[in-house]
Amino acid sequence: FWGLYVHVCKIGTLRQAYALAKANNGAPGSDGVTFAAIEAQGVE
């Protein structure tokens, strides 16, 4: 398969990936950024 990267970069794909990540409600990573901080800034 070729031409896959453009689909990875689509905002719809990223939006779905974010929804799945938030549903798991994991702890923040090494940068300390939380879902609450992201939503305060704006998910989009």
PDB file of all heavy atoms in Angstrom:
ATOM      1  N   PHE A   1       0.827  -1.203   0.000  1.00  0.00           N
ATOM      2  CA  PHE A   1       0.000   0.000   0.000  1.00  0.00           C
ATOM      3  C   PHE A   1       0.863   1.257   0.000  1.00  0.00           C
ATOM      4  O   PHE A   1       1.857   1.347   0.732  1.00  0.00           O
ATOM      5  CB  PHE A   1      -0.922   0.001   1.218  1.00  0.00           C
ATOM      6  CG  PHE A   1      -1.997  -1.048   1.171  1.00  0.00           C
ATOM      7  CD1 PHE A   1      -1.723  -2.362   1.528  1.00  0.00           C
ATOM      8  CD2 PHE A   1      -3.276  -0.728   0.749  1.00  0.00           C
ATOM      9  CE1 PHE A   1      -2.713  -3.335   1.480  1.00  0.00           C
ATOM     10  CE2 PHE A   1      -4.270  -1.690   0.698  1.00  0.00           C
ATOM     11  CZ  PHE A   1      -3.982  -3.007   1.060  1.00  0.00           C
ATOM     12  N   TRP A   2       0.455   2.226  -0.801  1.00  0.00           N
ATOM     13  CA  TRP A   2       1.148   3.503  -0.872  1.00  0.00           C
ATOM     14  C   TRP A   2       0.120   4.627  -0.654  1.00  0.00           C
ATOM     15  O   TRP A   2      -1.077   4.406  -0.650  1.00  0.00           O
ATOM     16  CB  TRP A   2       1.836   3.681  -2.233  1.00  0.00           C
ATOM     17  CG  TRP A   2       0.910   3.474  -3.410  1.00  0.00           C
ATOM     18  CD1 TRP A   2       0.610   2.288  -4.011  1.00  0.00           C
ATOM     19  CD2 TRP A   2       0.171   4.485  -4.106  1.00  0.00           C
ATOM     20  NE1 TRP A   2      -0.283   2.484  -5.038  1.00  0.00           N
ATOM     21  CE2 TRP A   2      -0.573   3.830  -5.118  1.00  0.00           C
ATOM     22  CE3 TRP A   2       0.065   5.859  -3.978  1.00  0.00           C
ATOM     23  CZ2 TRP A   2      -1.422   4.513  -5.984  1.00  0.00           C
ATOM     24  CZ3 TRP A   2      -0.776   6.550  -4.835  1.00  0.00           C
ATOM     25  CH2 TRP A   2      -1.501   5.866  -5.830  1.00  0.00           C
ATOM     26  N   GLY A   3       0.621   5.851  -0.446  1.00  0.00           N
ATOM     27  CA  GLY A   3      -0.275   6.988  -0.237  1.00  0.00           C
ATOM     28  C   GLY A   3      -1.029   6.946   1.072  1.00  0.00           C
ATOM     29  O   GLY A   3      -2.115   7.528   1.196  1.00  0.00           O
ATOM     30  N   LEU A   4      -0.464   6.284   2.099  1.00  0.00           N
ATOM     31  CA  LEU A   4      -1.148   6.157   3.384  1.00  0.00           C
ATOM     32  C   LEU A   4      -0.926   7.368   4.286  1.00  0.00           C
ATOM     33  O   LEU A   4      -1.762   7.685   5.123  1.00  0.00           O
ATOM     34  CB  LEU A   4      -0.676   4.889   4.111  1.00  0.00           C
ATOM     35  CG  LEU A   4      -0.944   3.549   3.408  1.00  0.00           C
ATOM     36  CD1 LEU A   4      -0.301   2.416   4.209  1.00  0.00           C
ATOM     37  CD2 LEU A   4      -2.435   3.306   3.255  1.00  0.00           C
ATOM     38  N   TYR A   5       0.218   8.028   4.119  1.00  0.00           N
ATOM     39  CA  TYR A   5       0.583   9.110   5.036  1.00  0.00           C
ATOM     40  C   TYR A   5      -0.428  10.256   5.010  1.00  0.00           C
ATOM     41  O   TYR A   5      -0.714  10.851   6.052  1.00  0.00           O
ATOM     42  CB  TYR A   5       1.977   9.634   4.684  1.00  0.00           C
ATOM     43  CG  TYR A   5       2.557  10.584   5.706  1.00  0.00           C
ATOM     44  CD1 TYR A   5       3.010  10.107   6.935  1.00  0.00           C
ATOM     45  CD2 TYR A   5       2.683  11.943   5.457  1.00  0.00           C
ATOM     46  CE1 TYR A   5       3.550  10.965   7.879  1.00  0.00           C
ATOM     47  CE2 TYR A   5       3.234  12.808   6.382  1.00  0.00           C
ATOM     48  CZ  TYR A   5       3.667  12.312   7.597  1.00  0.00           C
ATOM     49  OH  TYR A   5       4.213  13.164   8.527  1.00  0.00           O
ATOM     50  N   VAL A   6      -0.983  10.528   3.854  1.00  0.00           N
ATOM     51  CA  VAL A   6      -1.954  11.619   3.745  1.00  0.00           C
ATOM     52  C   VAL A   6      -3.180  11.333   4.601  1.00  0.00           C
ATOM     53  O   VAL A   6      -3.779  12.254   5.176  1.00  0.00           O
ATOM     54  CB  VAL A   6      -2.345  11.849   2.269  1.00  0.00           C
ATOM     55  CG1 VAL A   6      -3.096  10.635   1.700  1.00  0.00           C
ATOM     56  CG2 VAL A   6      -3.183  13.100   2.102  1.00  0.00           C
ATOM     57  N   HIS A   7      -3.544  10.048   4.734  1.00  0.00           N
ATOM     58  CA  HIS A   7      -4.692   9.682   5.563  1.00  0.00           C
ATOM     59  C   HIS A   7      -4.359   9.787   7.054  1.00  0.00           C
ATOM     60  O   HIS A   7      -5.231  10.110   7.857  1.00  0.00           O
ATOM     61  CB  HIS A   7      -5.158   8.275   5.218  1.00  0.00           C
ATOM     62  CG  HIS A   7      -5.630   8.127   3.809  1.00  0.00           C
ATOM     63  ND1 HIS A   7      -6.759   8.756   3.331  1.00  0.00           N
ATOM     64  CD2 HIS A   7      -5.115   7.422   2.760  1.00  0.00           C
ATOM     65  CE1 HIS A   7      -6.933   8.452   2.058  1.00  0.00           C
ATOM     66  NE2 HIS A   7      -5.944   7.651   1.686  1.00  0.00           N
ATOM     67  N   VAL A   8      -3.105   9.521   7.406  1.00  0.00           N
ATOM     68  CA  VAL A   8      -2.672   9.682   8.790  1.00  0.00           C
ATOM     69  C   VAL A   8      -2.782  11.150   9.206  1.00  0.00           C
ATOM     70  O   VAL A   8      -3.159  11.462  10.332  1.00  0.00           O
ATOM     71  CB  VAL A   8      -1.228   9.168   8.980  1.00  0.00           C
ATOM     72  CG1 VAL A   8      -0.735   9.445  10.399  1.00  0.00           C
ATOM     73  CG2 VAL A   8      -1.141   7.690   8.672  1.00  0.00           C
ATOM     74  N   CYS A   9      -2.461  12.064   8.272  1.00  0.00           N
ATOM     75  CA  CYS A   9      -2.438  13.495   8.566  1.00  0.00           C
ATOM     76  C   CYS A   9      -3.812  14.162   8.533  1.00  0.00           C
ATOM     77  O   CYS A   9      -3.930  15.332   8.932  1.00  0.00           O
ATOM     78  CB  CYS A   9      -1.519  14.219   7.580  1.00  0.00           C
ATOM     79  SG  CYS A   9       0.201  13.670   7.622  1.00  0.00           S
ATOM     80  N   LYS A  10      -4.836  13.475   8.068  1.00  0.00           N
ATOM     81  CA  LYS A  10      -6.162  14.081   7.986  1.00  0.00           C
ATOM     82  C   LYS A  10      -6.676  14.435   9.369  1.00  0.00           C
ATOM     83  O   LYS A  10      -6.491  13.704  10.322  1.00  0.00           O
ATOM     84  CB  LYS A  10      -7.138  13.136   7.286  1.00  0.00           C
ATOM     85  CG  LYS A  10      -6.948  13.042   5.779  1.00  0.00           C
ATOM     86  CD  LYS A  10      -7.984  12.106   5.172  1.00  0.00           C
ATOM     87  CE  LYS A  10      -7.840  12.063   3.644  1.00  0.00           C
ATOM     88  NZ  LYS A  10      -8.819  11.114   3.047  1.00  0.00           N
ATOM     89  N   ILE A  11      -7.332  15.568   9.466  1.00  0.00           N
ATOM     90  CA  ILE A  11      -7.840  16.034  10.756  1.00  0.00           C
ATOM     91  C   ILE A  11      -8.884  15.069  11.312  1.00  0.00           C
ATOM     92  O   ILE A  11      -8.987  14.886  12.538  1.00  0.00           O
ATOM     93  CB  ILE A  11      -8.408  17.468  10.632  1.00  0.00           C
ATOM     94  CG1 ILE A  11      -8.554  18.098  12.035  1.00  0.00           C
ATOM     95  CG2 ILE A  11      -9.729  17.467   9.869  1.00  0.00           C
ATOM     96  CD1 ILE A  11      -7.234  18.354  12.723  1.00  0.00           C
ATOM     97  N   GLY A  12      -9.641  14.408  10.428  1.00  0.00           N
ATOM     98  CA  GLY A  12     -10.630  13.437  10.889  1.00  0.00           C
ATOM     99  C   GLY A  12      -9.980  12.240  11.563  1.00  0.00           C
ATOM    100  O   GLY A  12     -10.476  11.733  12.579  1.00  0.00           O
ATOM    101  N   THR A  13      -8.865  11.776  11.017  1.00  0.00           N
ATOM    102  CA  THR A  13      -8.133  10.659  11.616  1.00  0.00           C
ATOM    103  C   THR A  13      -7.547  11.064  12.964  1.00  0.00           C
ATOM    104  O   THR A  13      -7.627  10.317  13.942  1.00  0.00           O
ATOM    105  CB  THR A  13      -7.010  10.184  10.676  1.00  0.00           C
ATOM    106  OG1 THR A  13      -7.531   9.936   9.364  1.00  0.00           O
ATOM    107  CG2 THR A  13      -6.367   8.916  11.208  1.00  0.00           C
ATOM    108  N   LEU A  14      -6.948  12.250  13.018  1.00  0.00           N
ATOM    109  CA  LEU A  14      -6.376  12.748  14.270  1.00  0.00           C
ATOM    110  C   LEU A  14      -7.457  12.970  15.318  1.00  0.00           C
ATOM    111  O   LEU A  14      -7.253  12.697  16.505  1.00  0.00           O
ATOM    112  CB  LEU A  14      -5.609  14.047  14.015  1.00  0.00           C
ATOM    113  CG  LEU A  14      -4.371  13.934  13.111  1.00  0.00           C
ATOM    114  CD1 LEU A  14      -3.826  15.312  12.789  1.00  0.00           C
ATOM    115  CD2 LEU A  14      -3.299  13.078  13.771  1.00  0.00           C
ATOM    116  N   ARG A  15      -8.617  13.463  14.877  1.00  0.00           N
ATOM    117  CA  ARG A  15      -9.725  13.696  15.809  1.00  0.00           C
ATOM    118  C   ARG A  15     -10.205  12.374  16.418  1.00  0.00           C
ATOM    119  O   ARG A  15     -10.455  12.286  17.625  1.00  0.00           O
ATOM    120  CB  ARG A  15     -10.861  14.393  15.076  1.00  0.00           C
ATOM    121  CG  ARG A  15     -11.854  15.070  15.983  1.00  0.00           C
ATOM    122  CD  ARG A  15     -12.928  15.794  15.183  1.00  0.00           C
ATOM    123  NE  ARG A  15     -12.400  17.036  14.581  1.00  0.00           N
ATOM    124  CZ  ARG A  15     -12.482  17.330  13.301  1.00  0.00           C
ATOM    125  NH1 ARG A  15     -13.047  16.476  12.442  1.00  0.00           N
ATOM    126  NH2 ARG A  15     -11.993  18.487  12.838  1.00  0.00           N
ATOM    127  N   GLN A  16     -10.306  11.335  15.597  1.00  0.00           N
ATOM    128  CA  GLN A  16     -10.708  10.025  16.094  1.00  0.00           C
ATOM    129  C   GLN A  16      -9.648   9.438  17.027  1.00  0.00           C
ATOM    130  O   GLN A  16      -9.976   8.851  18.053  1.00  0.00           O
ATOM    131  CB  GLN A  16     -10.960   9.079  14.911  1.00  0.00           C
ATOM    132  CG  GLN A  16     -11.276   7.638  15.295  1.00  0.00           C
ATOM    133  CD  GLN A  16     -12.567   7.508  16.063  1.00  0.00           C
ATOM    134  OE1 GLN A  16     -13.384   8.428  16.062  1.00  0.00           O
ATOM    135  NE2 GLN A  16     -12.763   6.372  16.716  1.00  0.00           N
ATOM    136  N   ALA A  17      -8.386   9.620  16.686  1.00  0.00           N
ATOM    137  CA  ALA A  17      -7.296   9.134  17.535  1.00  0.00           C
ATOM    138  C   ALA A  17      -7.311   9.827  18.897  1.00  0.00           C
ATOM    139  O   ALA A  17      -7.061   9.197  19.927  1.00  0.00           O
ATOM    140  CB  ALA A  17      -5.956   9.349  16.840  1.00  0.00           C
ATOM    141  N   TYR A  18      -7.600  11.124  18.898  1.00  0.00           N
ATOM    142  CA  TYR A  18      -7.691  11.857  20.165  1.00  0.00           C
ATOM    143  C   TYR A  18      -8.862  11.339  21.005  1.00  0.00           C
ATOM    144  O   TYR A  18      -8.729  11.173  22.229  1.00  0.00           O
ATOM    145  CB  TYR A  18      -7.855  13.352  19.902  1.00  0.00           C
ATOM    146  CG  TYR A  18      -8.018  14.161  21.175  1.00  0.00           C
ATOM    147  CD1 TYR A  18      -6.902  14.557  21.910  1.00  0.00           C
ATOM    148  CD2 TYR A  18      -9.285  14.501  21.656  1.00  0.00           C
ATOM    149  CE1 TYR A  18      -7.050  15.285  23.083  1.00  0.00           C
ATOM    150  CE2 TYR A  18      -9.431  15.224  22.828  1.00  0.00           C
ATOM    151  CZ  TYR A  18      -8.316  15.605  23.540  1.00  0.00           C
ATOM    152  OH  TYR A  18      -8.463  16.319  24.714  1.00  0.00           O
ATOM    153  N   ALA A  19     -10.007  11.098  20.372  1.00  0.00           N
ATOM    154  CA  ALA A  19     -11.182  10.596  21.095  1.00  0.00           C
ATOM    155  C   ALA A  19     -10.876   9.246  21.744  1.00  0.00           C
ATOM    156  O   ALA A  19     -11.285   8.987  22.879  1.00  0.00           O
ATOM    157  CB  ALA A  19     -12.370  10.480  20.149  1.00  0.00           C
ATOM    158  N   LEU A  20     -10.171   8.372  21.032  1.00  0.00           N
ATOM    159  CA  LEU A  20      -9.806   7.069  21.585  1.00  0.00           C
ATOM    160  C   LEU A  20      -8.823   7.212  22.740  1.00  0.00           C
ATOM    161  O   LEU A  20      -8.918   6.503  23.742  1.00  0.00           O
ATOM    162  CB  LEU A  20      -9.212   6.188  20.490  1.00  0.00           C
ATOM    163  CG  LEU A  20     -10.182   5.751  19.387  1.00  0.00           C
ATOM    164  CD1 LEU A  20      -9.423   5.081  18.246  1.00  0.00           C
ATOM    165  CD2 LEU A  20     -11.241   4.814  19.942  1.00  0.00           C
ATOM    166  N   ALA A  21      -7.861   8.135  22.597  1.00  0.00           N
ATOM    167  CA  ALA A  21      -6.883   8.366  23.663  1.00  0.00           C
ATOM    168  C   ALA A  21      -7.569   8.903  24.920  1.00  0.00           C
ATOM    169  O   ALA A  21      -7.266   8.476  26.034  1.00  0.00           O
ATOM    170  CB  ALA A  21      -5.799   9.326  23.188  1.00  0.00           C
ATOM    171  N   LYS A  22      -8.502   9.825  24.731  1.00  0.00           N
ATOM    172  CA  LYS A  22      -9.207  10.387  25.881  1.00  0.00           C
ATOM    173  C   LYS A  22     -10.105   9.357  26.554  1.00  0.00           C
ATOM    174  O   LYS A  22     -10.259   9.345  27.777  1.00  0.00           O
ATOM    175  CB  LYS A  22     -10.037  11.597  25.448  1.00  0.00           C
ATOM    176  CG  LYS A  22     -10.632  12.329  26.648  1.00  0.00           C
ATOM    177  CD  LYS A  22     -11.484  13.503  26.239  1.00  0.00           C
ATOM    178  CE  LYS A  22     -12.079  14.145  27.507  1.00  0.00           C
ATOM    179  NZ  LYS A  22     -13.026  15.175  27.202  1.00  0.00           N
ATOM    180  N   ALA A  23     -10.705   8.465  25.757  1.00  0.00           N
ATOM    181  CA  ALA A  23     -11.570   7.429  26.322  1.00  0.00           C
ATOM    182  C   ALA A  23     -10.792   6.515  27.261  1.00  0.00           C
ATOM    183  O   ALA A  23     -11.334   6.010  28.243  1.00  0.00           O
ATOM    184  CB  ALA A  23     -12.216   6.617  25.199  1.00  0.00           C
ATOM    185  N   ASN A  24      -9.512   6.304  26.971  1.00  0.00           N
ATOM    186  CA  ASN A  24      -8.671   5.489  27.851  1.00  0.00           C
ATOM    187  C   ASN A  24      -8.255   6.236  29.117  1.00  0.00           C
ATOM    188  O   ASN A  24      -7.832   5.596  30.089  1.00  0.00           O
ATOM    189  CB  ASN A  24      -7.431   5.015  27.101  1.00  0.00           C
ATOM    190  CG  ASN A  24      -7.761   3.993  26.035  1.00  0.00           C
ATOM    191  OD1 ASN A  24      -8.701   3.217  26.175  1.00  0.00           O
ATOM    192  ND2 ASN A  24      -6.989   3.979  24.949  1.00  0.00           N
ATOM    193  N   ASN A  25      -8.311   7.584  29.037  1.00  0.00           N
ATOM    194  CA  ASN A  25      -8.074   8.440  30.216  1.00  0.00           C
ATOM    195  C   ASN A  25      -6.750   8.101  30.915  1.00  0.00           C
ATOM    196  O   ASN A  25      -6.696   7.909  32.132  1.00  0.00           O
ATOM    197  CB  ASN A  25      -9.236   8.307  31.207  1.00  0.00           C
ATOM    198  CG  ASN A  25      -9.253   9.427  32.224  1.00  0.00           C
ATOM    199  OD1 ASN A  25      -8.776  10.535  31.964  1.00  0.00           O
ATOM    200  ND2 ASN A  25      -9.775   9.145  33.410  1.00  0.00           N
ATOM    201  N   GLY A  26      -5.692   8.033  30.139  1.00  0.00           N
ATOM    202  CA  GLY A  26      -4.391   7.704  30.696  1.00  0.00           C
ATOM    203  C   GLY A  26      -3.724   8.886  31.382  1.00  0.00           C
ATOM    204  O   GLY A  26      -4.158  10.041  31.281  1.00  0.00           O
ATOM    205  N   ALA A  27      -2.648   8.577  32.087  1.00  0.00           N
ATOM    206  CA  ALA A  27      -1.884   9.612  32.782  1.00  0.00           C
ATOM    207  C   ALA A  27      -1.084  10.435  31.775  1.00  0.00           C
ATOM    208  O   ALA A  27      -0.829   9.995  30.654  1.00  0.00           O
ATOM    209  CB  ALA A  27      -0.946   8.969  33.805  1.00  0.00           C
ATOM    210  N   PRO A  28      -0.669  11.643  32.142  1.00  0.00           N
ATOM    211  CA  PRO A  28       0.144  12.456  31.225  1.00  0.00           C
ATOM    212  C   PRO A  28       1.515  11.845  31.004  1.00  0.00           C
ATOM    213  O   PRO A  28       1.997  11.060  31.823  1.00  0.00           O
ATOM    214  CB  PRO A  28       0.231  13.806  31.948  1.00  0.00           C
ATOM    215  CG  PRO A  28      -0.019  13.497  33.388  1.00  0.00           C
ATOM    216  CD  PRO A  28      -0.971  12.348  33.398  1.00  0.00           C
ATOM    217  N   GLY A  29       2.150  12.222  29.886  1.00  0.00           N
ATOM    218  CA  GLY A  29       3.473  11.712  29.558  1.00  0.00           C
ATOM    219  C   GLY A  29       4.571  12.557  30.168  1.00  0.00           C
ATOM    220  O   GLY A  29       4.372  13.267  31.163  1.00  0.00           O
ATOM    221  N   SER A  30       5.751  12.487  29.560  1.00  0.00           N
ATOM    222  CA  SER A  30       6.917  13.178  30.099  1.00  0.00           C
ATOM    223  C   SER A  30       6.788  14.693  30.060  1.00  0.00           C
ATOM    224  O   SER A  30       7.464  15.398  30.813  1.00  0.00           O
ATOM    225  CB  SER A  30       8.173  12.751  29.338  1.00  0.00           C
ATOM    226  OG  SER A  30       8.045  13.020  27.942  1.00  0.00           O
ATOM    227  N   ASP A  31       5.930  15.230  29.180  1.00  0.00           N
ATOM    228  CA  ASP A  31       5.755  16.680  29.108  1.00  0.00           C
ATOM    229  C   ASP A  31       4.764  17.218  30.138  1.00  0.00           C
ATOM    230  O   ASP A  31       4.625  18.431  30.298  1.00  0.00           O
ATOM    231  CB  ASP A  31       5.321  17.104  27.707  1.00  0.00           C
ATOM    232  CG  ASP A  31       4.013  16.453  27.264  1.00  0.00           C
ATOM    233  OD1 ASP A  31       3.479  15.596  28.026  1.00  0.00           O
ATOM    234  OD2 ASP A  31       3.520  16.772  26.167  1.00  0.00           O
ATOM    235  N   GLY A  32       4.063  16.332  30.844  1.00  0.00           N
ATOM    236  CA  GLY A  32       3.125  16.743  31.883  1.00  0.00           C
ATOM    237  C   GLY A  32       1.813  17.304  31.390  1.00  0.00           C
ATOM    238  O   GLY A  32       0.987  17.750  32.195  1.00  0.00           O
ATOM    239  N   VAL A  33       1.573  17.314  30.093  1.00  0.00           N
ATOM    240  CA  VAL A  33       0.349  17.884  29.531  1.00  0.00           C
ATOM    241  C   VAL A  33      -0.813  16.924  29.763  1.00  0.00           C
ATOM    242  O   VAL A  33      -0.727  15.732  29.448  1.00  0.00           O
ATOM    243  CB  VAL A  33       0.515  18.164  28.030  1.00  0.00           C
ATOM    244  CG1 VAL A  33      -0.793  18.689  27.433  1.00  0.00           C
ATOM    245  CG2 VAL A  33       1.627  19.182  27.799  1.00  0.00           C
ATOM    246  N   THR A  34      -1.919  17.415  30.302  1.00  0.00           N
ATOM    247  CA  THR A  34      -3.101  16.616  30.589  1.00  0.00           C
ATOM    248  C   THR A  34      -4.204  16.910  29.573  1.00  0.00           C
ATOM    249  O   THR A  34      -4.147  17.881  28.826  1.00  0.00           O
ATOM    250  CB  THR A  34      -3.621  16.903  32.001  1.00  0.00           C
ATOM    251  OG1 THR A  34      -4.033  18.294  32.068  1.00  0.00           O
ATOM    252  CG2 THR A  34      -2.540  16.657  33.051  1.00  0.00           C
ATOM    253  N   PHE A  35      -5.238  16.051  29.570  1.00  0.00           N
ATOM    254  CA  PHE A  35      -6.385  16.282  28.702  1.00  0.00           C
ATOM    255  C   PHE A  35      -7.116  17.567  29.092  1.00  0.00           C
ATOM    256  O   PHE A  35      -7.625  18.281  28.222  1.00  0.00           O
ATOM    257  CB  PHE A  35      -7.340  15.085  28.763  1.00  0.00           C
ATOM    258  CG  PHE A  35      -6.837  13.874  28.030  1.00  0.00           C
ATOM    259  CD1 PHE A  35      -6.331  12.795  28.726  1.00  0.00           C
ATOM    260  CD2 PHE A  35      -6.870  13.827  26.649  1.00  0.00           C
ATOM    261  CE1 PHE A  35      -5.870  11.677  28.054  1.00  0.00           C
ATOM    262  CE2 PHE A  35      -6.411  12.704  25.962  1.00  0.00           C
ATOM    263  CZ  PHE A  35      -5.902  11.630  26.671  1.00  0.00           C
ATOM    264  N   ALA A  36      -7.156  17.860  30.392  1.00  0.00           N
ATOM    265  CA  ALA A  36      -7.810  19.088  30.845  1.00  0.00           C
ATOM    266  C   ALA A  36      -7.111  20.323  30.292  1.00  0.00           C
ATOM    267  O   ALA A  36      -7.765  21.288  29.862  1.00  0.00           O
ATOM    268  CB  ALA A  36      -7.828  19.133  32.377  1.00  0.00           C
ATOM    269  N   ALA A  37      -5.774  20.309  30.278  1.00  0.00           N
ATOM    270  CA  ALA A  37      -5.013  21.440  29.748  1.00  0.00           C
ATOM    271  C   ALA A  37      -5.241  21.596  28.251  1.00  0.00           C
ATOM    272  O   ALA A  37      -5.339  22.715  27.732  1.00  0.00           O
ATOM    273  CB  ALA A  37      -3.532  21.260  30.045  1.00  0.00           C
ATOM    274  N   ILE A  38      -5.319  20.466  27.535  1.00  0.00           N
ATOM    275  CA  ILE A  38      -5.552  20.514  26.093  1.00  0.00           C
ATOM    276  C   ILE A  38      -6.918  21.107  25.789  1.00  0.00           C
ATOM    277  O   ILE A  38      -7.069  21.948  24.896  1.00  0.00           O
ATOM    278  CB  ILE A  38      -5.408  19.107  25.487  1.00  0.00           C
ATOM    279  CG1 ILE A  38      -3.954  18.646  25.565  1.00  0.00           C
ATOM    280  CG2 ILE A  38      -5.898  19.078  24.039  1.00  0.00           C
ATOM    281  CD1 ILE A  38      -3.751  17.187  25.213  1.00  0.00           C
ATOM    282  N   GLU A  39      -7.937  20.679  26.534  1.00  0.00           N
ATOM    283  CA  GLU A  39      -9.289  21.170  26.283  1.00  0.00           C
ATOM    284  C   GLU A  39      -9.457  22.624  26.709  1.00  0.00           C
ATOM    285  O   GLU A  39     -10.291  23.337  26.149  1.00  0.00           O
ATOM    286  CB  GLU A  39     -10.287  20.249  26.973  1.00  0.00           C
ATOM    287  CG  GLU A  39     -10.290  18.864  26.367  1.00  0.00           C
ATOM    288  CD  GLU A  39     -11.328  17.931  26.920  1.00  0.00           C
ATOM    289  OE1 GLU A  39     -12.054  18.342  27.850  1.00  0.00           O
ATOM    290  OE2 GLU A  39     -11.413  16.784  26.421  1.00  0.00           O
ATOM    291  N   ALA A  40      -8.677  23.033  27.688  1.00  0.00           N
ATOM    292  CA  ALA A  40      -8.694  24.450  28.050  1.00  0.00           C
ATOM    293  C   ALA A  40      -8.107  25.304  26.925  1.00  0.00           C
ATOM    294  O   ALA A  40      -8.574  26.421  26.653  1.00  0.00           O
ATOM    295  CB  ALA A  40      -7.911  24.663  29.346  1.00  0.00           C
ATOM    296  N   GLN A  41      -7.085  24.799  26.275  1.00  0.00           N
ATOM    297  CA  GLN A  41      -6.471  25.482  25.140  1.00  0.00           C
ATOM    298  C   GLN A  41      -7.349  25.415  23.906  1.00  0.00           C
ATOM    299  O   GLN A  41      -7.411  26.364  23.112  1.00  0.00           O
ATOM    300  CB  GLN A  41      -5.104  24.855  24.844  1.00  0.00           C
ATOM    301  CG  GLN A  41      -4.446  25.303  23.543  1.00  0.00           C
ATOM    302  CD  GLN A  41      -3.331  24.364  23.101  1.00  0.00           C
ATOM    303  OE1 GLN A  41      -2.973  23.447  23.828  1.00  0.00           O
ATOM    304  NE2 GLN A  41      -2.780  24.583  21.924  1.00  0.00           N
ATOM    305  N   GLY A  42      -8.031  24.268  23.738  1.00  0.00           N
ATOM    306  CA  GLY A  42      -8.844  24.021  22.549  1.00  0.00           C
ATOM    307  C   GLY A  42      -8.333  22.795  21.824  1.00  0.00           C
ATOM    308  O   GLY A  42      -7.176  22.778  21.377  1.00  0.00           O
ATOM    309  N   VAL A  43      -9.182  21.766  21.710  1.00  0.00           N
ATOM    310  CA  VAL A  43      -8.753  20.503  21.093  1.00  0.00           C
ATOM    311  C   VAL A  43      -8.394  20.705  19.627  1.00  0.00           C
ATOM    312  O   VAL A  43      -7.404  20.170  19.129  1.00  0.00           O
ATOM    313  CB  VAL A  43      -9.860  19.429  21.234  1.00  0.00           C
ATOM    314  CG1 VAL A  43      -9.472  18.163  20.487  1.00  0.00           C
ATOM    315  CG2 VAL A  43     -10.124  19.116  22.698  1.00  0.00           C
ATOM    316  N   GLU A  44      -9.190  21.498  18.915  1.00  0.00           N
ATOM    317  CA  GLU A  44      -8.933  21.709  17.493  1.00  0.00           C
ATOM    318  C   GLU A  44      -7.595  22.399  17.259  1.00  0.00           C
ATOM    319  O   GLU A  44      -6.878  22.076  16.310  1.00  0.00           O
ATOM    320  CB  GLU A  44     -10.082  22.508  16.866  1.00  0.00           C
ATOM    321  CG  GLU A  44     -11.378  21.730  16.747  1.00  0.00           C
ATOM    322  CD  GLU A  44     -11.242  20.504  15.843  1.00  0.00           C
ATOM    323  OE1 GLU A  44     -10.651  20.628  14.757  1.00  0.00           O
ATOM    324  OE2 GLU A  44     -11.716  19.424  16.250  1.00  0.00           O
TER     325      GLU A  44
END
